[in-house]
Amino acid sequence: MGIFNLFGAGTFRHGVHPPSHKAATAHQPIRRLPFPDHLVIPLNQHIGKPAKLLVKKGQEVVRGEPLASADGFVSVPIHAPATGRIRDIRLMPSARGEQAMAIILHVYAAATQEVLWRNPVDPGALDPQGMIQAIQDTGMVGLGGAAFPSHVKLSIPEEKSVDTLVVNGCECEPYLSCDHRTMLEHPRELMRGIRYAMQATGVSKAIVGVEENKMDAVKLLREHLHAQSDISVEAVETKYPQGSEKMLIKSLMGREVPAGGIPLDIGVVVNNVGTLAALGKLLPVGEGLTERVVTVTGPGVEKPGNYIIPLGTPIGYVLKQVGYIGGENEFILGGPMMGPSVSDMETPVTKGTSGLLVLNEPEIEQETRRIWPCIKCGRCLNACPMHLNPAYLGLLAAKREYEEMAQTYHLNDCFECGCCSYVCPSNIPLVQHFRIAKAINREQAA
């Protein structure tokens, strides 16, 4: 088993304990936002090859209809989030910073916006390969933020052997509570999705890991287990980044993913609770992923909550619906530890958008933004869950020794959780340095 603290909950060494800031949304039921007058639907809402366009400008589409098909195995289709007409197909702002090819969909205001395009399947009649294909047809990706195609993650190579599905219900990022509400409001769909994932991978058991600050979800999910001895729900310590795959596996099972390895190397496959709950809802009726639950919160939001939002909804429209306070704001897609900041209000909600966080910049002391030299205090070493040396990696980054960072000091084991930047008293943007180093190394390798 994993490391246990004084109270018996599984944990891992290092990590940090930032304020949770979840109270504003954790106890509010999921609500639905109205449809905007237009949607911006990028073709690259997932890791892998962008989807291949199926529609043309001026074409009418109905909600659920495929707009783009999967372009290869590591790709997923895109479905129409609303009934309307294709206004344009052009480059638009994206959460990644650069512009990306996107479909601009004019939404018909008079439409009922029910899903009119379905391809129902019988999950019980599918073999593992058929289940993988059915999952790809839904356009499902990891809804926790990584947006890795779900069918690829659940495809087990012949040379690998897996025995356990770990279901990630930690939601350790501050402010976010969409997974928590999903577990409380959609436990049946979650259990169904877990069964589909077990069927696709052939694993013999599943473990749902939930942080102990969500014991209401632990209790409810255990009530839905009934006599299912191959699925268990376990509480783990509330600590960031408990929701990281490697950390959660260590906490729940005591297994350690080797350096440079992946969970499959130790017989484990990991999926997010939001992903599996959506899969449990969509797959039996043959619908594609057209919307998702997003936590919209922060000091700058008048009506914080968890909202069902159509994919492609511009964040400017979301902010008008929930109200936001102040003139100078910072907008973050996801959580404050790992989410990217965006400035263009046409940036859309995509499959990987778990949160929209609005922070009032006037509340942030400008002095805290100044970067000071490293004082070699060692706080980043004690915080790093991967047991790296962020301080020395930062010094190498300043000297542009990017190759040495990767080859000698295991830069690629860093999953950019932000713990080092969070604890650094000198405000050194270590994670940003590491991202730049990785990008340059990838370019040189290519």
Protein backbone atom coordinates (compact mmCIF):
# COMPACT_ATOMS: atom_id res chain seq x y z
CA MET A 1 0.00 0.00 0.00
CA GLY A 2 0.98 3.67 -0.27
CA ILE A 3 2.41 5.89 2.44
CA PHE A 4 -0.10 6.56 5.22
CA ASN A 5 -0.40 9.61 7.44
CA LEU A 6 -1.50 9.65 11.06
CA PHE A 7 -5.15 9.37 10.07
CA GLY A 8 -4.68 6.41 7.76
CA ALA A 9 -5.28 8.13 4.41
CA GLY A 10 -2.90 7.26 1.58
CA THR A 11 -0.34 9.88 0.60
CA PHE A 12 3.07 10.49 -0.96
CA ARG A 13 6.20 12.36 0.07
CA HIS A 14 6.56 16.11 -0.54
CA GLY A 15 3.87 18.25 -2.18
CA VAL A 16 2.22 21.41 -0.85
CA HIS A 17 -0.99 22.47 0.92
CA PRO A 18 -2.35 25.59 -0.82
CA PRO A 19 -5.69 27.05 0.37
CA SER A 20 -8.52 25.13 -1.32
CA HIS A 21 -10.89 28.05 -2.09
CA LYS A 22 -13.62 25.52 -2.98
CA ALA A 23 -16.35 26.63 -0.55
CA ALA A 24 -18.01 29.01 -3.04
CA THR A 25 -18.86 26.20 -5.49
CA ALA A 26 -18.48 22.79 -3.79
CA HIS A 27 -22.00 22.80 -2.31
CA GLN A 28 -23.88 24.26 -5.26
CA PRO A 29 -25.66 21.94 -7.72
CA ILE A 30 -24.54 21.86 -11.35
CA ARG A 31 -26.46 24.36 -13.48
CA ARG A 32 -26.72 24.87 -17.24
CA LEU A 33 -25.64 28.05 -19.01
CA PRO A 34 -27.70 29.33 -21.97
CA PHE A 35 -26.34 28.83 -25.47
CA PRO A 36 -24.40 31.79 -26.91
CA ASP A 37 -25.13 33.25 -30.34
CA HIS A 38 -21.97 31.67 -31.76
CA LEU A 39 -19.46 28.96 -30.89
CA VAL A 40 -15.73 28.79 -31.63
CA ILE A 41 -14.88 25.10 -32.09
CA PRO A 42 -11.14 24.33 -32.49
CA LEU A 43 -10.10 21.23 -34.42
CA ASN A 44 -7.26 20.50 -31.96
CA GLN A 45 -9.09 20.07 -28.63
CA HIS A 46 -6.96 17.06 -27.75
CA ILE A 47 -3.40 15.81 -27.58
CA GLY A 48 -2.52 14.27 -30.92
CA LYS A 49 -3.42 15.06 -34.52
CA PRO A 50 -6.19 17.65 -35.03
CA ALA A 51 -9.52 16.36 -36.29
CA LYS A 52 -10.15 16.37 -40.06
CA LEU A 53 -12.80 18.80 -41.27
CA LEU A 54 -16.09 17.35 -42.57
CA VAL A 55 -18.16 20.51 -43.06
CA LYS A 56 -17.95 23.66 -45.16
CA LYS A 57 -18.88 27.29 -44.77
CA GLY A 58 -22.63 27.93 -44.99
CA GLN A 59 -23.60 24.34 -44.12
CA GLU A 60 -26.40 23.71 -41.62
CA VAL A 61 -25.73 21.17 -38.87
CA VAL A 62 -27.73 19.69 -36.01
CA ARG A 63 -26.55 19.22 -32.46
CA GLY A 64 -24.44 16.08 -32.13
CA GLU A 65 -23.57 15.87 -35.84
CA PRO A 66 -19.88 15.17 -36.59
CA LEU A 67 -18.10 18.34 -37.72
CA ALA A 68 -14.67 16.73 -38.04
CA SER A 69 -13.47 13.11 -38.02
CA ALA A 70 -10.55 11.52 -36.20
CA ASP A 71 -7.41 11.83 -38.32
CA GLY A 72 -5.68 8.62 -37.28
CA PHE A 73 -5.57 6.65 -34.05
CA VAL A 74 -4.27 9.43 -31.78
CA SER A 75 -7.12 11.75 -32.68
CA VAL A 76 -10.84 12.08 -31.93
CA PRO A 77 -13.86 13.46 -33.81
CA ILE A 78 -15.54 16.79 -33.07
CA HIS A 79 -19.34 16.98 -32.78
CA ALA A 80 -21.62 20.00 -33.17
CA PRO A 81 -22.36 21.44 -29.71
CA ALA A 82 -25.48 23.16 -31.07
CA THR A 83 -27.85 23.25 -34.03
CA GLY A 84 -26.94 26.07 -36.39
CA ARG A 85 -25.03 27.11 -39.50
CA ILE A 86 -21.28 27.16 -40.20
CA ARG A 87 -20.45 30.87 -40.36
CA ASP A 88 -16.73 30.51 -41.05
CA ILE A 89 -13.67 28.27 -40.74
CA ARG A 90 -10.52 30.19 -39.83
CA LEU A 91 -7.74 30.74 -37.31
CA MET A 92 -9.00 31.76 -33.86
CA PRO A 93 -7.47 32.31 -30.38
CA SER A 94 -6.84 29.19 -28.29
CA ALA A 95 -6.01 28.41 -24.67
CA ARG A 96 -2.53 27.31 -25.76
CA GLY A 97 -1.64 30.85 -26.78
CA GLU A 98 -1.21 30.42 -30.52
CA GLN A 99 -4.09 30.70 -32.98
CA ALA A 100 -5.67 27.45 -34.15
CA MET A 101 -7.99 26.47 -36.97
CA ALA A 102 -11.57 26.55 -35.71
CA ILE A 103 -15.17 26.28 -36.91
CA ILE A 104 -17.34 29.33 -36.18
CA LEU A 105 -20.89 28.06 -35.65
CA HIS A 106 -23.84 30.47 -35.69
CA VAL A 107 -26.32 29.05 -33.15
CA TYR A 108 -29.99 29.03 -34.10
CA ALA A 109 -31.77 30.89 -31.31
CA ALA A 110 -35.13 29.23 -32.02
CA ALA A 111 -33.79 25.64 -31.97
CA THR A 112 -34.62 23.33 -29.06
CA GLN A 113 -30.94 22.30 -28.94
CA GLU A 114 -31.72 18.67 -28.25
CA VAL A 115 -29.20 16.15 -29.57
CA LEU A 116 -30.51 15.04 -32.97
CA TRP A 117 -27.57 12.92 -34.17
CA ARG A 118 -26.93 9.61 -32.45
CA ASN A 119 -25.32 6.24 -33.21
CA PRO A 120 -26.50 3.93 -30.39
CA VAL A 121 -24.44 0.86 -29.48
CA ASP A 122 -24.94 -2.12 -27.18
CA PRO A 123 -21.94 -1.93 -24.82
CA GLY A 124 -22.57 -5.45 -23.50
CA ALA A 125 -22.12 -6.93 -26.98
CA LEU A 126 -18.77 -5.26 -27.65
CA ASP A 127 -15.39 -6.95 -27.38
CA PRO A 128 -12.47 -4.84 -26.05
CA GLN A 129 -11.55 -3.59 -29.53
CA GLY A 130 -15.16 -2.71 -30.30
CA MET A 131 -15.38 -0.83 -27.01
CA ILE A 132 -12.22 1.14 -27.87
CA GLN A 133 -13.75 2.13 -31.23
CA ALA A 134 -17.04 3.12 -29.58
CA ILE A 135 -15.15 5.31 -27.09
CA GLN A 136 -13.22 7.01 -29.91
CA ASP A 137 -16.50 7.67 -31.76
CA THR A 138 -17.78 9.69 -28.79
CA GLY A 139 -14.85 12.10 -29.14
CA MET A 140 -14.01 11.55 -25.48
CA VAL A 141 -10.74 12.88 -24.06
CA GLY A 142 -9.44 13.28 -20.53
CA LEU A 143 -11.68 15.94 -18.98
CA GLY A 144 -9.31 16.53 -16.07
CA GLY A 145 -7.34 18.96 -18.21
CA ALA A 146 -4.81 16.87 -20.14
CA ALA A 147 -7.26 16.17 -23.01
CA PHE A 148 -5.49 12.92 -23.96
CA PRO A 149 -7.75 10.77 -26.19
CA SER A 150 -9.53 8.31 -23.90
CA HIS A 151 -9.55 5.41 -26.35
CA VAL A 152 -5.75 5.64 -26.70
CA LYS A 153 -5.27 5.61 -22.95
CA LEU A 154 -7.52 2.55 -22.61
CA SER A 155 -5.78 0.67 -25.44
CA ILE A 156 -3.33 -1.72 -23.80
CA PRO A 157 -0.33 -2.70 -25.97
CA GLU A 158 0.24 -6.44 -26.39
CA GLU A 159 3.56 -6.24 -24.56
CA LYS A 160 1.92 -4.64 -21.49
CA SER A 161 -0.17 -6.29 -18.80
CA VAL A 162 -2.51 -4.26 -16.59
CA ASP A 163 -4.53 -5.39 -13.57
CA THR A 164 -5.97 -2.19 -12.06
CA LEU A 165 -7.94 0.83 -13.19
CA VAL A 166 -7.30 3.84 -10.94
CA VAL A 167 -10.10 6.38 -11.09
CA ASN A 168 -8.93 9.89 -10.20
CA GLY A 169 -11.47 11.77 -8.08
CA CYS A 170 -8.94 13.89 -6.16
CA GLU A 171 -9.43 17.27 -7.84
CA CYS A 172 -6.51 18.70 -5.87
CA GLU A 173 -6.29 22.02 -7.78
CA PRO A 174 -7.55 24.96 -5.68
CA TYR A 175 -10.91 26.50 -6.64
CA LEU A 176 -12.06 23.58 -8.86
CA SER A 177 -15.05 21.47 -7.80
CA CYS A 178 -16.60 20.17 -11.05
CA ASP A 179 -15.38 16.59 -10.40
CA HIS A 180 -16.68 16.73 -6.83
CA ARG A 181 -20.15 17.77 -8.00
CA THR A 182 -20.08 15.15 -10.77
CA MET A 183 -19.41 12.39 -8.22
CA LEU A 184 -22.28 13.64 -6.04
CA GLU A 185 -24.81 14.19 -8.83
CA HIS A 186 -23.94 11.48 -11.36
CA PRO A 187 -22.71 8.41 -9.44
CA ARG A 188 -24.62 5.94 -11.64
CA GLU A 189 -23.08 7.30 -14.84
CA LEU A 190 -19.66 7.17 -13.17
CA MET A 191 -20.07 3.53 -12.15
CA ARG A 192 -21.26 2.68 -15.67
CA GLY A 193 -18.24 4.45 -17.17
CA ILE A 194 -15.90 2.56 -14.84
CA ARG A 195 -17.41 -0.70 -16.12
CA TYR A 196 -16.85 0.38 -19.72
CA ALA A 197 -13.20 1.22 -18.97
CA MET A 198 -12.71 -2.13 -17.24
CA GLN A 199 -14.29 -3.88 -20.22
CA ALA A 200 -11.98 -2.08 -22.66
CA THR A 201 -8.79 -2.78 -20.70
CA GLY A 202 -9.59 -6.21 -19.25
CA VAL A 203 -8.49 -5.21 -15.74
CA SER A 204 -9.69 -7.23 -12.77
CA LYS A 205 -10.31 -4.37 -10.34
CA ALA A 206 -10.82 -0.61 -10.07
CA ILE A 207 -9.96 1.81 -7.26
CA VAL A 208 -11.55 5.25 -7.00
CA GLY A 209 -9.24 7.66 -5.17
CA VAL A 210 -10.88 10.71 -3.58
CA GLU A 211 -9.26 13.33 -1.34
CA GLU A 212 -10.48 13.22 2.24
CA ASN A 213 -11.93 16.73 2.01
CA LYS A 214 -14.68 15.17 -0.12
CA MET A 215 -15.90 12.47 2.25
CA ASP A 216 -19.50 13.07 1.14
CA ALA A 217 -18.47 11.80 -2.30
CA VAL A 218 -16.62 8.82 -0.77
CA LYS A 219 -19.71 7.85 1.23
CA LEU A 220 -22.10 8.23 -1.72
CA LEU A 221 -19.94 6.26 -4.14
CA ARG A 222 -19.50 3.46 -1.62
CA GLU A 223 -23.29 3.25 -1.35
CA HIS A 224 -23.45 2.69 -5.11
CA LEU A 225 -20.96 -0.18 -5.03
CA HIS A 226 -23.53 -2.60 -3.59
CA ALA A 227 -21.88 -6.04 -3.75
CA GLN A 228 -19.28 -5.13 -6.38
CA SER A 229 -16.11 -6.43 -4.80
CA ASP A 230 -13.94 -5.54 -7.81
CA ILE A 231 -14.50 -1.79 -7.35
CA SER A 232 -13.45 0.10 -4.22
CA VAL A 233 -13.47 3.74 -3.12
CA GLU A 234 -10.54 4.97 -1.03
CA ALA A 235 -9.85 8.30 0.68
CA VAL A 236 -6.39 9.83 0.25
CA GLU A 237 -4.75 12.77 1.99
CA THR A 238 -5.78 16.24 0.85
CA LYS A 239 -2.55 17.52 -0.65
CA TYR A 240 -1.39 18.99 -3.94
CA PRO A 241 -0.62 17.37 -6.43
CA GLN A 242 -2.46 14.27 -5.15
CA GLY A 243 -4.38 14.13 -8.44
CA SER A 244 -1.26 13.51 -10.50
CA GLU A 245 -1.29 9.99 -11.92
CA LYS A 246 2.03 8.97 -10.42
CA MET A 247 1.24 10.44 -7.01
CA LEU A 248 -2.22 8.85 -6.82
CA ILE A 249 -0.91 5.42 -7.78
CA LYS A 250 1.73 5.73 -5.05
CA SER A 251 -0.88 6.80 -2.49
CA LEU A 252 -3.42 4.08 -3.35
CA MET A 253 -1.25 1.12 -4.27
CA GLY A 254 2.32 1.79 -3.15
CA ARG A 255 3.53 1.22 -6.70
CA GLU A 256 6.04 3.66 -8.18
CA VAL A 257 6.13 4.57 -11.86
CA PRO A 258 9.78 4.35 -12.98
CA ALA A 259 11.62 7.47 -14.17
CA GLY A 260 10.62 8.16 -17.75
CA GLY A 261 7.86 5.57 -17.52
CA ILE A 262 4.07 5.59 -17.59
CA PRO A 263 1.43 3.87 -15.40
CA LEU A 264 1.12 1.00 -17.90
CA ASP A 265 4.68 0.01 -16.99
CA ILE A 266 3.47 -1.03 -13.52
CA GLY A 267 0.15 -2.57 -14.57
CA VAL A 268 -2.10 0.46 -14.00
CA VAL A 269 -4.28 2.64 -16.19
CA VAL A 270 -5.67 5.94 -14.82
CA ASN A 271 -8.82 7.85 -15.78
CA ASN A 272 -10.55 10.93 -14.38
CA VAL A 273 -14.00 10.67 -12.74
CA GLY A 274 -15.44 13.36 -15.01
CA THR A 275 -14.23 11.49 -18.08
CA LEU A 276 -15.77 8.18 -17.02
CA ALA A 277 -19.04 9.77 -15.89
CA ALA A 278 -19.40 11.45 -19.29
CA LEU A 279 -18.53 8.16 -20.99
CA GLY A 280 -21.17 6.36 -18.93
CA LYS A 281 -23.75 8.86 -20.11
CA LEU A 282 -22.81 9.20 -23.79
CA LEU A 283 -21.70 5.77 -24.95
CA PRO A 284 -24.97 3.77 -24.49
CA VAL A 285 -26.99 6.34 -26.45
CA GLY A 286 -24.31 6.88 -29.07
CA GLU A 287 -23.85 10.61 -28.53
CA GLY A 288 -20.68 12.63 -29.04
CA LEU A 289 -19.13 14.94 -26.45
CA THR A 290 -20.72 18.36 -27.00
CA GLU A 291 -20.61 19.95 -23.53
CA ARG A 292 -18.89 19.64 -20.20
CA VAL A 293 -19.07 20.78 -16.57
CA VAL A 294 -16.82 23.77 -15.83
CA THR A 295 -16.12 25.42 -12.49
CA VAL A 296 -16.45 29.20 -12.91
CA THR A 297 -15.21 30.93 -9.79
CA GLY A 298 -12.72 33.29 -8.17
CA PRO A 299 -12.79 36.61 -6.30
CA GLY A 300 -13.86 38.34 -9.52
CA VAL A 301 -17.01 36.25 -10.12
CA GLU A 302 -20.43 37.40 -8.88
CA LYS A 303 -22.22 34.05 -9.37
CA PRO A 304 -19.63 31.29 -8.90
CA GLY A 305 -20.68 27.73 -9.56
CA ASN A 306 -20.33 24.62 -11.70
CA TYR A 307 -21.97 25.05 -15.07
CA ILE A 308 -22.74 22.78 -18.01
CA ILE A 309 -21.29 24.75 -20.92
CA PRO A 310 -21.42 23.92 -24.66
CA LEU A 311 -17.96 23.32 -26.10
CA GLY A 312 -16.81 26.33 -28.09
CA THR A 313 -18.52 28.91 -25.86
CA PRO A 314 -16.31 32.06 -25.75
CA ILE A 315 -15.17 32.86 -22.22
CA GLY A 316 -16.40 36.43 -22.68
CA TYR A 317 -19.95 35.09 -22.94
CA VAL A 318 -19.47 32.91 -19.86
CA LEU A 319 -18.28 35.92 -17.88
CA LYS A 320 -21.34 37.96 -18.94
CA GLN A 321 -23.62 35.17 -17.68
CA VAL A 322 -21.94 34.80 -14.27
CA GLY A 323 -20.90 38.42 -13.83
CA TYR A 324 -17.39 39.49 -12.94
CA ILE A 325 -16.10 42.30 -10.76
CA GLY A 326 -13.35 44.79 -11.40
CA GLY A 327 -11.68 46.19 -14.49
CA GLU A 328 -8.26 44.52 -14.23
CA ASN A 329 -8.62 40.77 -14.04
CA GLU A 330 -6.56 37.68 -14.73
CA PHE A 331 -8.41 34.87 -16.47
CA ILE A 332 -7.12 31.32 -16.00
CA LEU A 333 -8.45 28.25 -17.82
CA GLY A 334 -8.23 25.45 -15.27
CA GLY A 335 -6.78 25.83 -11.79
CA PRO A 336 -4.26 28.41 -10.51
CA MET A 337 -1.41 25.90 -10.19
CA MET A 338 -1.32 24.56 -13.75
CA GLY A 339 -3.89 26.47 -15.79
CA PRO A 340 -2.78 28.91 -18.53
CA SER A 341 -3.72 32.60 -18.41
CA VAL A 342 -5.73 33.95 -21.34
CA SER A 343 -6.60 37.48 -22.40
CA ASP A 344 -8.73 37.17 -25.56
CA MET A 345 -12.43 36.96 -24.69
CA GLU A 346 -13.07 34.88 -27.82
CA THR A 347 -10.94 32.06 -26.38
CA PRO A 348 -13.38 29.13 -26.21
CA VAL A 349 -14.24 26.51 -23.62
CA THR A 350 -12.85 23.23 -24.97
CA LYS A 351 -12.89 19.57 -23.93
CA GLY A 352 -9.93 20.12 -21.60
CA THR A 353 -11.34 23.19 -19.83
CA SER A 354 -12.09 22.16 -16.25
CA GLY A 355 -12.36 25.68 -14.85
CA LEU A 356 -12.52 29.38 -15.57
CA LEU A 357 -10.88 31.26 -12.72
CA VAL A 358 -11.14 35.05 -12.46
CA LEU A 359 -8.63 36.76 -10.18
CA ASN A 360 -8.71 40.48 -9.39
CA GLU A 361 -5.20 41.73 -10.14
CA PRO A 362 -5.54 44.89 -7.99
CA GLU A 363 -5.71 42.55 -5.00
CA ILE A 364 -2.25 41.23 -5.77
CA GLU A 365 0.60 43.25 -4.29
CA GLN A 366 2.93 44.35 -7.06
CA GLU A 367 5.92 43.70 -4.80
CA THR A 368 5.17 39.98 -4.83
CA ARG A 369 5.64 39.98 -8.60
CA ARG A 370 9.29 41.03 -8.43
CA ILE A 371 11.76 38.22 -9.09
CA TRP A 372 14.74 37.96 -6.74
CA PRO A 373 17.90 35.82 -7.01
CA CYS A 374 17.74 32.26 -5.68
CA ILE A 375 18.70 32.20 -1.99
CA LYS A 376 19.27 28.41 -2.00
CA CYS A 377 16.72 27.85 0.78
CA GLY A 378 15.80 24.37 -0.45
CA ARG A 379 12.04 24.85 -0.23
CA CYS A 380 11.54 23.73 -3.82
CA LEU A 381 13.44 20.48 -3.13
CA ASN A 382 11.17 19.72 -0.18
CA ALA A 383 8.06 20.48 -2.25
CA CYS A 384 8.83 18.66 -5.51
CA PRO A 385 6.80 15.41 -5.60
CA MET A 386 9.16 13.94 -8.20
CA HIS A 387 12.21 14.54 -5.92
CA LEU A 388 13.98 16.70 -8.51
CA ASN A 389 16.22 19.70 -7.81
CA PRO A 390 14.18 22.62 -9.20
CA ALA A 391 16.66 25.21 -7.92
CA TYR A 392 19.56 23.74 -9.88
CA LEU A 393 17.35 23.12 -12.91
CA GLY A 394 16.45 26.82 -12.76
CA LEU A 395 20.12 27.81 -12.72
CA LEU A 396 20.79 25.57 -15.72
CA ALA A 397 17.80 27.11 -17.51
CA ALA A 398 19.23 30.60 -16.93
CA LYS A 399 22.43 29.40 -18.63
CA ARG A 400 20.38 27.72 -21.41
CA GLU A 401 21.86 24.33 -20.61
CA TYR A 402 18.63 22.68 -21.73
CA GLU A 403 20.13 19.40 -22.91
CA GLU A 404 21.96 18.87 -19.61
CA MET A 405 18.72 19.57 -17.75
CA ALA A 406 17.08 16.64 -19.52
CA GLN A 407 19.95 14.17 -19.70
CA THR A 408 21.53 14.65 -16.26
CA TYR A 409 18.85 16.20 -14.06
CA HIS A 410 15.70 14.41 -15.32
CA LEU A 411 13.84 17.48 -16.59
CA ASN A 412 11.32 15.29 -18.43
CA ASP A 413 10.17 13.74 -15.15
CA CYS A 414 8.76 17.15 -14.21
CA PHE A 415 5.02 17.28 -14.93
CA GLU A 416 4.83 21.04 -14.30
CA CYS A 417 2.67 20.87 -11.17
CA GLY A 418 3.91 24.25 -9.98
CA CYS A 419 4.85 23.25 -6.42
CA CYS A 420 8.34 24.73 -6.79
CA SER A 421 7.07 28.08 -8.06
CA TYR A 422 4.42 28.14 -5.31
CA VAL A 423 6.92 27.85 -2.45
CA CYS A 424 9.77 29.93 -3.94
CA PRO A 425 10.31 33.04 -1.75
CA SER A 426 12.19 34.70 -4.61
CA ASN A 427 9.18 34.40 -6.96
CA ILE A 428 11.31 32.66 -9.60
CA PRO A 429 8.97 31.33 -12.35
CA LEU A 430 10.60 27.90 -12.33
CA VAL A 431 7.80 26.08 -14.14
CA GLN A 432 7.88 28.57 -17.01
CA HIS A 433 11.65 28.02 -17.33
CA PHE A 434 11.09 24.26 -17.46
CA ARG A 435 8.37 24.54 -20.10
CA ILE A 436 10.65 26.61 -22.31
CA ALA A 437 13.50 24.12 -21.84
CA LYS A 438 11.27 21.19 -22.79
CA ALA A 439 9.93 22.99 -25.86
CA ILE A 440 13.44 23.83 -27.10
CA ASN A 441 14.59 20.25 -26.53
CA ARG A 442 11.59 18.95 -28.49
CA GLU A 443 12.36 21.32 -31.37
CA GLN A 444 16.00 20.23 -31.46
CA ALA A 445 15.02 16.57 -31.36
CA ALA A 446 12.60 17.10 -34.26
